[in-house]
Every structure is written in structure tokens, then in C-alpha cells.
């Protein structure tokens, strides 16, 4: 057996412990960390999608704008009832006068979108076909953010588009129009309700 010369390590007594000692790792700790990371990632992705949807106005809360839309529709329907009686009296005016505002010729570059606000399948396509046959240019159709709309309303973005919105509403057999920035993807947006027969 080999003998080594005595050195400073031979003088170590039972003093304080020096150095770090690691115990054996418990099994499954890696899976716990992975599960927490996956959960945090899912929550962050979900929050990001919701925030982007709200910023793009592509999601609306079901109970938030339905009552306001129906009350504004009834208000605009009552306010437009009086002008319609005066319009019928002016229908006997001479044909040499300029055509009334709100005809398909007034559309110009105004973009029109038809949205289905009910659970009835194909209602937006019916509304689009009715507008197209009346001479309006419909850019696209789709589903609205809610499916419980009771009254058909024509929304327009700028005051200069009100005449076009009223003409579109007349072509659909309704009088409810409202200025709103809730539909930024089009100048005029038609939300068909349960009252639209097609």
C-alpha cells in the first residue's frame, strides 16, 4: 500500500461542514415545470387573442349593444315615419326635378356589407341578392357578432352616407338607420334581424 506524505488535509477535524451536497432529485419534477409552462402559455395566448379581437372590433359582447340597437331602431323608425308621409306627397312632383337622394346611383365608392344577425342560415345571402337586384353594389356578406338581433338596422359611418343608408334600408323594406363606428370594415353595414323576411 502506498503511503503519501502528511499534508494539511490530514489535519481536518470534525469541524463545520464545507462544500455543497445535493440530494437525489425527486422523480417527475421536470413534468411539473413543463405543465406550469404550458398552462401559462395557454393563458397568455388566450388573452392575446381576446385583446386583438376587441381591438379589431370583431367580437362584441352579446348583451351590450342589442338593447341599444333595438331602442335606437325604434327611435329612428318613429323619427323617419314623418318624413315618409311628406315623401309620398312629393311623389306627385314633376319628373323634371332631380332624383331623390339614396338611390343606387348615389352609392359611388361607398362599400356595403350585409351581415346576418340571426340564427337563420343564408339570410345575409338573401339580403345581398335583394340589394343587388335593386341596383346596389354589395361588397361582402357574413355573420354579425350576435345572433339575437330582432330589428334590421342599416349602420353608416359618416353623416354624408346617411342618404345611401336610407336608400338601402328602403330597398330592404325597413326604415331603421343609425350612424355608428361599430363596423369599421365598411362604410355602410346592414345587420339583418328576425324581422327581415327576405
N, C-alpha and C. Protein backbone atom coordinates (compact mmCIF):
# COMPACT_ATOMS: atom_id res chain seq x y z
N UNK A 1 0.83 -1.16 0.00
CA UNK A 1 0.00 0.00 0.00
C UNK A 1 0.88 1.24 0.00
N UNK A 2 0.48 2.22 -0.81
CA UNK A 2 1.31 3.40 -0.97
C UNK A 2 1.04 4.38 0.15
N UNK A 3 2.06 4.97 0.67
CA UNK A 3 1.93 5.98 1.71
C UNK A 3 2.24 7.32 1.12
N UNK A 4 1.40 8.26 1.41
CA UNK A 4 1.62 9.64 0.95
C UNK A 4 2.11 10.46 2.12
N UNK A 5 2.90 11.47 1.81
CA UNK A 5 3.38 12.31 2.92
C UNK A 5 2.21 13.06 3.56
N UNK A 6 2.30 13.33 4.78
CA UNK A 6 1.24 14.02 5.51
C UNK A 6 1.12 15.45 4.98
N UNK A 7 -0.12 15.90 4.81
CA UNK A 7 -0.36 17.28 4.34
C UNK A 7 -1.47 17.91 5.18
N UNK A 8 -1.96 19.09 4.74
CA UNK A 8 -2.93 19.85 5.54
C UNK A 8 -4.30 19.18 5.60
N UNK A 9 -4.61 18.32 4.66
CA UNK A 9 -5.92 17.67 4.67
C UNK A 9 -6.00 16.60 5.74
N UNK A 10 -4.85 16.13 6.20
CA UNK A 10 -4.85 15.13 7.26
C UNK A 10 -5.18 15.76 8.61
N UNK A 11 -5.08 17.07 8.72
CA UNK A 11 -5.34 17.76 9.98
C UNK A 11 -6.82 18.17 10.15
N UNK A 12 -7.65 17.80 9.19
CA UNK A 12 -9.07 18.19 9.27
C UNK A 12 -9.73 17.42 10.39
N UNK A 13 -10.43 18.14 11.22
CA UNK A 13 -11.15 17.52 12.32
C UNK A 13 -12.65 17.62 12.03
N UNK A 14 -13.46 17.18 12.94
CA UNK A 14 -14.91 17.27 12.76
C UNK A 14 -15.36 18.70 13.04
N UNK A 15 -15.06 19.58 12.13
CA UNK A 15 -15.47 20.98 12.25
C UNK A 15 -16.73 21.22 11.44
N UNK A 16 -16.97 22.47 11.11
CA UNK A 16 -18.15 22.78 10.30
C UNK A 16 -18.02 22.17 8.90
N UNK A 17 -19.16 21.77 8.36
CA UNK A 17 -19.16 21.13 7.05
C UNK A 17 -18.81 22.16 5.98
N UNK A 18 -17.96 21.79 5.05
CA UNK A 18 -17.54 22.66 3.98
C UNK A 18 -17.98 22.03 2.66
N UNK A 19 -18.56 22.89 1.76
CA UNK A 19 -18.96 22.38 0.46
C UNK A 19 -20.47 22.19 0.38
N UNK A 20 -20.94 21.93 -0.80
CA UNK A 20 -22.37 21.75 -1.03
C UNK A 20 -22.63 20.30 -1.37
N UNK A 21 -23.68 19.78 -0.81
CA UNK A 21 -24.06 18.40 -1.09
C UNK A 21 -25.49 18.41 -1.59
N UNK A 22 -25.68 17.82 -2.72
CA UNK A 22 -27.02 17.76 -3.31
C UNK A 22 -27.61 16.39 -3.07
N UNK A 23 -28.89 16.43 -2.68
CA UNK A 23 -29.58 15.18 -2.50
C UNK A 23 -30.04 14.65 -3.85
N UNK A 24 -30.52 13.46 -3.85
CA UNK A 24 -31.02 12.85 -5.08
C UNK A 24 -32.28 13.60 -5.54
N UNK A 25 -32.39 13.83 -6.85
CA UNK A 25 -33.54 14.54 -7.42
C UNK A 25 -34.79 13.68 -7.33
N UNK A 26 -35.91 14.35 -7.00
CA UNK A 26 -37.17 13.62 -6.98
C UNK A 26 -37.62 13.36 -8.41
N UNK A 27 -38.29 12.26 -8.63
CA UNK A 27 -38.76 11.92 -9.98
C UNK A 27 -39.99 12.75 -10.31
N UNK A 28 -40.10 13.19 -11.57
CA UNK A 28 -41.28 13.90 -12.03
C UNK A 28 -41.24 15.41 -11.89
N UNK A 29 -40.15 15.97 -11.38
CA UNK A 29 -40.09 17.43 -11.22
C UNK A 29 -40.08 18.14 -12.57
N UNK A 30 -39.51 17.52 -13.60
CA UNK A 30 -39.47 18.13 -14.93
C UNK A 30 -40.87 18.25 -15.53
N UNK A 31 -41.73 17.26 -15.27
CA UNK A 31 -43.10 17.30 -15.81
C UNK A 31 -43.93 18.39 -15.13
N UNK A 32 -43.69 18.62 -13.88
CA UNK A 32 -44.43 19.67 -13.17
C UNK A 32 -44.08 21.04 -13.75
N UNK A 33 -42.81 21.27 -13.97
CA UNK A 33 -42.38 22.54 -14.56
C UNK A 33 -42.94 22.69 -15.98
N UNK A 34 -42.94 21.61 -16.74
CA UNK A 34 -43.48 21.66 -18.10
C UNK A 34 -44.98 21.97 -18.08
N UNK A 35 -45.72 21.36 -17.16
CA UNK A 35 -47.16 21.60 -17.06
C UNK A 35 -47.46 23.05 -16.73
N UNK A 36 -46.70 23.64 -15.79
CA UNK A 36 -46.90 25.05 -15.44
C UNK A 36 -46.58 25.96 -16.62
N UNK A 37 -45.52 25.64 -17.35
CA UNK A 37 -45.16 26.45 -18.52
C UNK A 37 -46.22 26.37 -19.60
N UNK A 38 -46.77 25.16 -19.83
CA UNK A 38 -47.82 25.00 -20.84
C UNK A 38 -49.09 25.75 -20.44
N UNK A 39 -49.44 25.70 -19.16
CA UNK A 39 -50.62 26.42 -18.68
C UNK A 39 -50.44 27.93 -18.84
N UNK A 40 -49.28 28.44 -18.47
CA UNK A 40 -49.02 29.88 -18.60
C UNK A 40 -49.06 30.30 -20.07
N UNK A 41 -48.50 29.48 -20.96
CA UNK A 41 -48.53 29.79 -22.38
C UNK A 41 -49.95 29.83 -22.91
N UNK A 42 -50.78 28.87 -22.53
CA UNK A 42 -52.18 28.85 -22.96
C UNK A 42 -52.95 30.06 -22.50
N UNK A 43 -52.74 30.46 -21.25
CA UNK A 43 -53.44 31.65 -20.72
C UNK A 43 -53.00 32.90 -21.47
N UNK A 44 -51.71 33.05 -21.70
CA UNK A 44 -51.21 34.24 -22.41
C UNK A 44 -51.71 34.29 -23.85
N UNK A 45 -51.73 33.14 -24.53
CA UNK A 45 -52.24 33.12 -25.91
C UNK A 45 -53.72 33.47 -25.94
N UNK A 46 -54.51 32.92 -25.01
CA UNK A 46 -55.93 33.23 -24.95
C UNK A 46 -56.19 34.71 -24.70
N UNK A 47 -55.45 35.29 -23.77
CA UNK A 47 -55.61 36.73 -23.50
C UNK A 47 -55.21 37.56 -24.71
N UNK A 48 -54.15 37.16 -25.40
CA UNK A 48 -53.72 37.90 -26.59
C UNK A 48 -54.76 37.86 -27.69
N UNK A 49 -55.38 36.70 -27.92
CA UNK A 49 -56.42 36.58 -28.95
C UNK A 49 -57.62 37.45 -28.58
N UNK A 50 -58.02 37.43 -27.31
CA UNK A 50 -59.16 38.24 -26.87
C UNK A 50 -58.89 39.72 -27.03
N UNK A 51 -57.70 40.17 -26.65
CA UNK A 51 -57.35 41.59 -26.78
C UNK A 51 -57.35 42.01 -28.24
N UNK A 52 -56.76 41.20 -29.11
CA UNK A 52 -56.75 41.53 -30.55
C UNK A 52 -58.15 41.56 -31.13
N UNK A 53 -59.02 40.64 -30.71
CA UNK A 53 -60.39 40.63 -31.21
C UNK A 53 -61.14 41.88 -30.77
N UNK A 54 -60.92 42.30 -29.52
CA UNK A 54 -61.59 43.52 -29.05
C UNK A 54 -61.05 44.75 -29.74
N UNK A 55 -59.74 44.79 -30.01
CA UNK A 55 -59.16 45.95 -30.69
C UNK A 55 -59.64 46.04 -32.14
N UNK A 56 -59.87 44.91 -32.78
CA UNK A 56 -60.33 44.91 -34.18
C UNK A 56 -61.84 45.00 -34.29
N UNK A 57 -62.53 45.08 -33.17
CA UNK A 57 -64.00 45.15 -33.13
C UNK A 57 -64.63 43.95 -33.83
N UNK A 58 -63.95 42.80 -33.81
CA UNK A 58 -64.53 41.61 -34.44
C UNK A 58 -65.27 40.76 -33.42
N UNK A 59 -65.28 41.18 -32.18
CA UNK A 59 -66.03 40.48 -31.15
C UNK A 59 -66.80 41.50 -30.34
N UNK A 60 -68.08 41.23 -30.12
CA UNK A 60 -68.88 42.11 -29.28
C UNK A 60 -69.59 41.27 -28.24
N UNK A 61 -69.80 41.85 -27.08
CA UNK A 61 -70.48 41.12 -26.01
C UNK A 61 -71.96 41.07 -26.32
N UNK A 62 -72.59 39.90 -26.20
CA UNK A 62 -73.96 39.71 -26.66
C UNK A 62 -74.98 40.68 -26.06
N UNK A 63 -74.92 40.97 -24.79
CA UNK A 63 -75.95 41.80 -24.18
C UNK A 63 -75.67 43.28 -24.24
N UNK A 64 -74.52 43.69 -24.75
CA UNK A 64 -74.13 45.10 -24.64
C UNK A 64 -74.80 45.99 -25.66
N UNK A 65 -74.87 45.58 -26.93
CA UNK A 65 -75.40 46.52 -27.91
C UNK A 65 -76.74 46.12 -28.48
N UNK A 66 -77.30 44.98 -28.09
CA UNK A 66 -78.61 44.61 -28.61
C UNK A 66 -79.72 45.52 -28.11
N UNK A 67 -79.81 45.83 -26.79
CA UNK A 67 -80.87 46.72 -26.35
C UNK A 67 -80.72 48.12 -26.92
N UNK A 68 -79.47 48.60 -27.00
CA UNK A 68 -79.26 49.94 -27.54
C UNK A 68 -79.65 49.99 -29.01
N UNK A 69 -79.33 48.92 -29.73
CA UNK A 69 -79.64 48.90 -31.15
C UNK A 69 -81.14 48.86 -31.37
N UNK A 70 -81.86 48.06 -30.54
CA UNK A 70 -83.30 47.98 -30.74
C UNK A 70 -83.99 49.27 -30.34
N UNK A 71 -83.49 49.94 -29.26
CA UNK A 71 -84.10 51.21 -28.87
C UNK A 71 -83.80 52.29 -29.89
N UNK A 72 -82.57 52.28 -30.43
CA UNK A 72 -82.25 53.28 -31.44
C UNK A 72 -83.00 53.00 -32.73
N UNK A 73 -83.27 51.70 -33.00
CA UNK A 73 -84.02 51.37 -34.20
C UNK A 73 -85.45 51.87 -34.08
N UNK A 74 -86.06 51.70 -32.89
CA UNK A 74 -87.43 52.17 -32.73
C UNK A 74 -87.48 53.69 -32.76
N UNK A 75 -86.42 54.35 -32.21
CA UNK A 75 -86.38 55.81 -32.24
C UNK A 75 -86.23 56.31 -33.66
N UNK A 76 -85.34 55.66 -34.43
CA UNK A 76 -85.14 56.11 -35.80
C UNK A 76 -86.34 55.77 -36.67
N UNK A 77 -87.04 54.66 -36.32
CA UNK A 77 -88.23 54.31 -37.09
C UNK A 77 -89.33 55.33 -36.87
N UNK A 78 -89.47 55.80 -35.61
CA UNK A 78 -90.51 56.79 -35.34
C UNK A 78 -90.14 58.14 -35.93
N UNK A 79 -88.82 58.46 -35.94
CA UNK A 79 -88.41 59.74 -36.50
C UNK A 79 -88.49 59.76 -38.01
N UNK A 80 -88.35 58.57 -38.63
CA UNK A 80 -88.42 58.53 -40.09
C UNK A 80 -89.84 58.32 -40.60
N UNK A 81 -90.80 58.11 -39.68
CA UNK A 81 -92.18 57.92 -40.11
C UNK A 81 -92.76 59.21 -40.67
N UNK A 82 -92.43 60.34 -40.06
CA UNK A 82 -92.95 61.62 -40.53
C UNK A 82 -92.40 61.99 -41.90
N UNK A 83 -91.08 61.84 -42.15
CA UNK A 83 -90.59 62.17 -43.48
C UNK A 83 -91.18 61.29 -44.57
N UNK A 84 -91.56 60.05 -44.26
CA UNK A 84 -92.08 59.19 -45.31
C UNK A 84 -93.44 59.69 -45.79
N UNK A 85 -94.24 60.30 -44.90
CA UNK A 85 -95.52 60.83 -45.34
C UNK A 85 -95.32 62.04 -46.23
N UNK A 86 -94.30 62.85 -45.92
CA UNK A 86 -94.03 64.00 -46.77
C UNK A 86 -93.42 63.56 -48.10
N UNK A 87 -92.71 62.44 -48.08
CA UNK A 87 -92.12 61.94 -49.31
C UNK A 87 -93.21 61.44 -50.26
N UNK A 88 -94.28 60.86 -49.70
CA UNK A 88 -95.35 60.38 -50.57
C UNK A 88 -96.10 61.54 -51.20
N UNK A 89 -96.18 62.68 -50.49
CA UNK A 89 -96.85 63.84 -51.08
C UNK A 89 -95.99 64.48 -52.15
N UNK A 90 -94.66 64.33 -52.01
CA UNK A 90 -93.79 64.92 -53.02
C UNK A 90 -93.60 63.99 -54.21
N UNK A 91 -94.18 62.78 -54.17
CA UNK A 91 -94.04 61.85 -55.28
C UNK A 91 -94.79 62.36 -56.50
N UNK A 92 -95.77 63.24 -56.29
CA UNK A 92 -96.52 63.78 -57.41
C UNK A 92 -95.83 64.99 -58.02
N UNK A 93 -94.60 65.28 -57.60
CA UNK A 93 -93.86 66.42 -58.13
C UNK A 93 -93.49 66.14 -59.58
N UNK A 94 -93.18 67.17 -60.34
CA UNK A 94 -92.82 66.98 -61.74
C UNK A 94 -91.59 66.10 -61.89
N UNK A 95 -91.52 65.38 -63.00
CA UNK A 95 -90.41 64.46 -63.24
C UNK A 95 -89.14 65.20 -63.62
N UNK A 96 -89.21 66.51 -63.86
CA UNK A 96 -88.02 67.26 -64.24
C UNK A 96 -87.10 67.52 -63.07
N UNK A 97 -87.58 67.29 -61.83
CA UNK A 97 -86.73 67.50 -60.66
C UNK A 97 -85.67 66.40 -60.58
N UNK A 98 -84.58 66.67 -59.82
CA UNK A 98 -83.50 65.69 -59.65
C UNK A 98 -84.01 64.50 -58.84
N UNK A 99 -83.47 63.29 -59.07
CA UNK A 99 -83.92 62.14 -58.32
C UNK A 99 -83.59 62.30 -56.84
N UNK A 100 -84.39 61.68 -55.99
CA UNK A 100 -84.18 61.79 -54.55
C UNK A 100 -82.87 61.14 -54.15
N UNK A 101 -82.27 61.66 -53.08
CA UNK A 101 -81.02 61.08 -52.58
C UNK A 101 -81.30 59.68 -52.04
N UNK A 102 -80.29 58.84 -52.07
CA UNK A 102 -80.44 57.49 -51.55
C UNK A 102 -80.78 56.47 -52.61
N UNK A 103 -80.39 56.73 -53.84
CA UNK A 103 -80.60 55.76 -54.91
C UNK A 103 -79.29 55.04 -55.17
N UNK A 104 -79.32 53.88 -55.83
CA UNK A 104 -78.07 53.16 -56.13
C UNK A 104 -77.05 54.02 -56.87
N UNK A 105 -77.51 55.01 -57.65
CA UNK A 105 -76.58 55.87 -58.37
C UNK A 105 -75.77 56.74 -57.42
N UNK A 106 -76.29 56.97 -56.22
CA UNK A 106 -75.59 57.80 -55.23
C UNK A 106 -74.52 57.02 -54.47
N UNK A 107 -74.44 55.71 -54.67
CA UNK A 107 -73.54 54.89 -53.88
C UNK A 107 -72.08 55.27 -54.09
N UNK A 108 -71.68 55.52 -55.33
CA UNK A 108 -70.30 55.89 -55.62
C UNK A 108 -69.33 54.83 -55.13
N UNK A 109 -68.37 55.24 -54.29
CA UNK A 109 -67.36 54.30 -53.78
C UNK A 109 -67.72 53.80 -52.38
N UNK A 110 -68.96 54.02 -51.94
CA UNK A 110 -69.37 53.57 -50.62
C UNK A 110 -69.42 52.05 -50.59
N UNK A 111 -68.72 51.45 -49.63
CA UNK A 111 -68.71 49.99 -49.51
C UNK A 111 -69.87 49.54 -48.64
N UNK A 112 -70.56 48.48 -49.09
CA UNK A 112 -71.74 47.96 -48.39
C UNK A 112 -71.48 46.51 -48.01
N UNK A 113 -71.75 46.17 -46.75
CA UNK A 113 -71.61 44.81 -46.24
C UNK A 113 -72.94 44.40 -45.63
N UNK A 114 -73.37 43.16 -45.91
CA UNK A 114 -74.62 42.63 -45.35
C UNK A 114 -74.27 41.54 -44.36
N UNK A 115 -74.76 41.68 -43.11
CA UNK A 115 -74.46 40.73 -42.04
C UNK A 115 -75.74 40.09 -41.52
N UNK A 116 -75.67 38.81 -41.21
CA UNK A 116 -76.79 38.07 -40.65
C UNK A 116 -76.73 38.16 -39.13
N UNK A 117 -77.71 38.81 -38.51
CA UNK A 117 -77.74 38.94 -37.06
C UNK A 117 -78.66 37.94 -36.39
N UNK A 118 -79.03 36.88 -37.11
CA UNK A 118 -79.94 35.86 -36.56
C UNK A 118 -79.31 34.49 -36.72
N UNK A 119 -80.06 33.48 -36.31
CA UNK A 119 -79.59 32.10 -36.48
C UNK A 119 -80.09 31.49 -37.78
N UNK A 120 -80.86 32.25 -38.56
CA UNK A 120 -81.38 31.75 -39.84
C UNK A 120 -80.25 31.64 -40.86
N UNK A 121 -80.05 30.47 -41.39
CA UNK A 121 -78.98 30.24 -42.35
C UNK A 121 -79.31 30.88 -43.70
N UNK A 122 -78.34 31.56 -44.29
CA UNK A 122 -78.49 32.13 -45.62
C UNK A 122 -79.23 33.45 -45.69
N UNK A 123 -79.50 34.07 -44.53
CA UNK A 123 -80.25 35.33 -44.53
C UNK A 123 -79.42 36.46 -45.15
N UNK A 124 -78.11 36.48 -44.90
CA UNK A 124 -77.26 37.52 -45.47
C UNK A 124 -77.23 37.41 -46.99
N UNK A 125 -77.21 36.19 -47.51
CA UNK A 125 -77.21 36.00 -48.96
C UNK A 125 -78.52 36.49 -49.57
N UNK A 126 -79.65 36.25 -48.88
CA UNK A 126 -80.94 36.74 -49.37
C UNK A 126 -80.96 38.26 -49.40
N UNK A 127 -80.48 38.88 -48.31
CA UNK A 127 -80.44 40.35 -48.26
C UNK A 127 -79.54 40.93 -49.33
N UNK A 128 -78.39 40.28 -49.54
CA UNK A 128 -77.46 40.74 -50.57
C UNK A 128 -78.09 40.64 -51.96
N UNK A 129 -78.81 39.54 -52.21
CA UNK A 129 -79.46 39.36 -53.50
C UNK A 129 -80.54 40.42 -53.72
N UNK A 130 -81.28 40.75 -52.65
CA UNK A 130 -82.32 41.77 -52.77
C UNK A 130 -81.71 43.13 -53.09
N UNK A 131 -80.60 43.45 -52.43
CA UNK A 131 -79.94 44.74 -52.69
C UNK A 131 -79.32 44.77 -54.09
N UNK A 132 -78.72 43.67 -54.50
CA UNK A 132 -78.11 43.62 -55.83
C UNK A 132 -79.16 43.78 -56.92
N UNK A 133 -80.31 43.14 -56.73
CA UNK A 133 -81.37 43.27 -57.74
C UNK A 133 -81.96 44.68 -57.74
N UNK A 134 -81.83 45.40 -56.62
CA UNK A 134 -82.30 46.79 -56.57
C UNK A 134 -81.26 47.76 -57.14
N UNK A 135 -80.06 47.25 -57.48
CA UNK A 135 -79.05 48.09 -58.09
C UNK A 135 -77.89 48.46 -57.19
N UNK A 136 -77.88 48.00 -55.93
CA UNK A 136 -76.79 48.32 -55.01
C UNK A 136 -75.64 47.36 -55.21
N UNK A 137 -74.42 47.84 -54.94
CA UNK A 137 -73.23 47.00 -55.05
C UNK A 137 -72.83 46.55 -53.65
N UNK A 138 -73.01 45.26 -53.36
CA UNK A 138 -72.67 44.68 -52.05
C UNK A 138 -71.27 44.10 -52.15
N UNK A 139 -70.39 44.55 -51.26
CA UNK A 139 -69.00 44.08 -51.28
C UNK A 139 -68.85 42.68 -50.70
N UNK A 140 -69.53 42.39 -49.57
CA UNK A 140 -69.41 41.07 -48.97
C UNK A 140 -70.58 40.81 -48.04
N UNK A 141 -70.72 39.54 -47.65
CA UNK A 141 -71.74 39.13 -46.70
C UNK A 141 -71.07 38.33 -45.60
N UNK A 142 -71.78 38.14 -44.49
CA UNK A 142 -71.22 37.36 -43.39
C UNK A 142 -72.17 37.33 -42.22
N UNK A 143 -71.66 36.85 -41.09
CA UNK A 143 -72.45 36.78 -39.87
C UNK A 143 -72.06 37.92 -38.95
N UNK A 144 -73.05 38.47 -38.26
CA UNK A 144 -72.80 39.53 -37.28
C UNK A 144 -72.23 38.89 -36.01
N UNK A 145 -71.76 39.74 -35.10
CA UNK A 145 -71.19 39.24 -33.84
C UNK A 145 -72.22 38.60 -32.93
N UNK A 146 -73.50 38.97 -33.08
CA UNK A 146 -74.55 38.40 -32.25
C UNK A 146 -75.60 37.75 -33.14
N UNK A 147 -76.36 36.82 -32.57
CA UNK A 147 -77.39 36.13 -33.34
C UNK A 147 -78.78 36.43 -32.81
N UNK A 148 -78.91 37.36 -31.89
CA UNK A 148 -80.21 37.65 -31.31
C UNK A 148 -80.80 38.97 -31.76
N UNK A 149 -80.40 39.47 -32.94
CA UNK A 149 -80.91 40.75 -33.43
C UNK A 149 -82.36 40.59 -33.87
N UNK A 150 -83.23 41.50 -33.38
CA UNK A 150 -84.64 41.39 -33.72
C UNK A 150 -85.03 42.35 -34.84
N UNK A 151 -84.37 43.49 -34.92
CA UNK A 151 -84.74 44.52 -35.89
C UNK A 151 -83.61 44.73 -36.89
N UNK A 152 -83.93 44.80 -38.17
CA UNK A 152 -82.94 45.07 -39.20
C UNK A 152 -82.55 46.55 -39.14
N UNK A 153 -81.24 46.80 -39.04
CA UNK A 153 -80.74 48.17 -38.93
C UNK A 153 -79.62 48.36 -39.95
N UNK A 154 -79.62 49.52 -40.60
CA UNK A 154 -78.55 49.89 -41.55
C UNK A 154 -77.67 50.91 -40.84
N UNK A 155 -76.40 50.54 -40.62
CA UNK A 155 -75.45 51.41 -39.94
C UNK A 155 -74.58 52.11 -40.97
N UNK A 156 -74.30 53.39 -40.77
CA UNK A 156 -73.40 54.12 -41.65
C UNK A 156 -72.37 54.84 -40.80
N UNK A 157 -71.17 55.06 -41.38
CA UNK A 157 -70.05 55.61 -40.61
C UNK A 157 -70.08 57.14 -40.56
N UNK A 158 -70.27 57.80 -41.70
CA UNK A 158 -70.18 59.26 -41.76
C UNK A 158 -71.54 59.84 -42.13
N UNK A 159 -71.75 61.09 -41.71
CA UNK A 159 -73.04 61.74 -41.95
C UNK A 159 -73.34 61.85 -43.45
N UNK A 160 -72.30 61.95 -44.27
CA UNK A 160 -72.51 62.06 -45.72
C UNK A 160 -73.07 60.78 -46.33
N UNK A 161 -73.02 59.68 -45.60
CA UNK A 161 -73.50 58.39 -46.11
C UNK A 161 -74.93 58.08 -45.65
N UNK A 162 -75.56 59.02 -44.95
CA UNK A 162 -76.90 58.76 -44.42
C UNK A 162 -77.92 58.53 -45.54
N UNK A 163 -77.84 59.32 -46.60
CA UNK A 163 -78.79 59.17 -47.70
C UNK A 163 -78.67 57.79 -48.34
N UNK A 164 -77.44 57.31 -48.53
CA UNK A 164 -77.22 55.98 -49.10
C UNK A 164 -77.79 54.93 -48.14
N UNK A 165 -77.55 55.11 -46.83
CA UNK A 165 -78.06 54.15 -45.85
C UNK A 165 -79.58 54.11 -45.87
N UNK A 166 -80.22 55.27 -46.00
CA UNK A 166 -81.69 55.31 -46.05
C UNK A 166 -82.21 54.63 -47.33
N UNK A 167 -81.49 54.81 -48.43
CA UNK A 167 -81.89 54.15 -49.67
C UNK A 167 -81.77 52.64 -49.56
N UNK A 168 -80.69 52.17 -48.93
CA UNK A 168 -80.51 50.72 -48.73
C UNK A 168 -81.60 50.19 -47.82
N UNK A 169 -81.90 50.92 -46.74
CA UNK A 169 -82.96 50.49 -45.82
C UNK A 169 -84.29 50.40 -46.54
N UNK A 170 -84.58 51.36 -47.40
CA UNK A 170 -85.84 51.34 -48.16
C UNK A 170 -85.90 50.12 -49.07
N UNK A 171 -84.76 49.77 -49.70
CA UNK A 171 -84.72 48.60 -50.59
C UNK A 171 -84.96 47.31 -49.82
N UNK A 172 -84.64 47.31 -48.51
CA UNK A 172 -84.83 46.11 -47.69
C UNK A 172 -86.18 46.12 -46.99
N UNK A 173 -86.95 47.20 -47.15
CA UNK A 173 -88.26 47.27 -46.52
C UNK A 173 -88.22 47.68 -45.06
N UNK A 174 -87.21 48.43 -44.67
CA UNK A 174 -87.10 48.91 -43.30
C UNK A 174 -86.78 50.39 -43.32
N UNK A 175 -86.89 51.03 -42.16
CA UNK A 175 -86.57 52.46 -42.07
C UNK A 175 -85.50 52.74 -41.03
N UNK A 176 -85.03 51.71 -40.35
CA UNK A 176 -84.09 51.90 -39.24
C UNK A 176 -82.67 52.10 -39.76
N UNK A 177 -82.13 53.31 -39.57
CA UNK A 177 -80.74 53.62 -39.90
C UNK A 177 -80.10 54.27 -38.69
N UNK A 178 -78.80 54.09 -38.55
CA UNK A 178 -78.10 54.65 -37.39
C UNK A 178 -76.64 54.90 -37.73
N UNK A 179 -76.14 56.05 -37.31
CA UNK A 179 -74.71 56.33 -37.51
C UNK A 179 -73.94 55.66 -36.39
N UNK A 180 -72.92 54.89 -36.75
CA UNK A 180 -72.16 54.13 -35.76
C UNK A 180 -70.78 53.80 -36.32
N UNK A 181 -69.81 53.74 -35.41
CA UNK A 181 -68.45 53.33 -35.79
C UNK A 181 -68.18 51.89 -35.37
N UNK A 182 -69.24 51.14 -35.08
CA UNK A 182 -69.08 49.76 -34.61
C UNK A 182 -68.66 48.80 -35.71
N UNK A 183 -68.81 49.22 -36.97
CA UNK A 183 -68.46 48.35 -38.10
C UNK A 183 -67.41 49.07 -38.96
N UNK A 184 -66.13 49.01 -38.58
CA UNK A 184 -65.11 49.77 -39.29
C UNK A 184 -64.70 49.20 -40.64
N UNK A 185 -65.16 47.98 -40.97
CA UNK A 185 -64.73 47.34 -42.21
C UNK A 185 -65.51 47.78 -43.43
N UNK A 186 -66.57 48.58 -43.24
CA UNK A 186 -67.38 49.03 -44.38
C UNK A 186 -67.98 50.39 -44.05
N UNK A 187 -68.30 51.15 -45.12
CA UNK A 187 -68.94 52.45 -44.93
C UNK A 187 -70.38 52.28 -44.46
N UNK A 188 -71.09 51.33 -45.05
CA UNK A 188 -72.47 51.04 -44.68
C UNK A 188 -72.57 49.54 -44.39
N UNK A 189 -73.08 49.20 -43.19
CA UNK A 189 -73.23 47.80 -42.79
C UNK A 189 -74.68 47.53 -42.47
N UNK A 190 -75.23 46.51 -43.10
CA UNK A 190 -76.62 46.11 -42.86
C UNK A 190 -76.58 44.90 -41.92
N UNK A 191 -77.25 45.01 -40.76
CA UNK A 191 -77.39 43.88 -39.85
C UNK A 191 -78.85 43.43 -39.93
N UNK A 192 -79.05 42.28 -40.55
CA UNK A 192 -80.41 41.75 -40.75
C UNK A 192 -80.90 41.12 -39.46
N UNK A 193 -82.10 41.49 -39.06
CA UNK A 193 -82.70 40.95 -37.84
C UNK A 193 -83.79 39.94 -38.16
N UNK A 194 -84.45 39.48 -37.10
CA UNK A 194 -85.50 38.48 -37.25
C UNK A 194 -86.71 39.02 -38.00
N UNK A 195 -86.84 40.36 -38.09
CA UNK A 195 -87.97 40.93 -38.79
C UNK A 195 -87.80 40.93 -40.31
N UNK A 196 -86.61 40.59 -40.81
CA UNK A 196 -86.39 40.60 -42.26
C UNK A 196 -86.92 39.31 -42.86
N UNK A 197 -87.86 39.45 -43.78
CA UNK A 197 -88.48 38.28 -44.39
C UNK A 197 -87.71 37.79 -45.62
N UNK A 198 -86.96 38.68 -46.25
CA UNK A 198 -86.20 38.29 -47.41
C UNK A 198 -87.05 38.39 -48.60
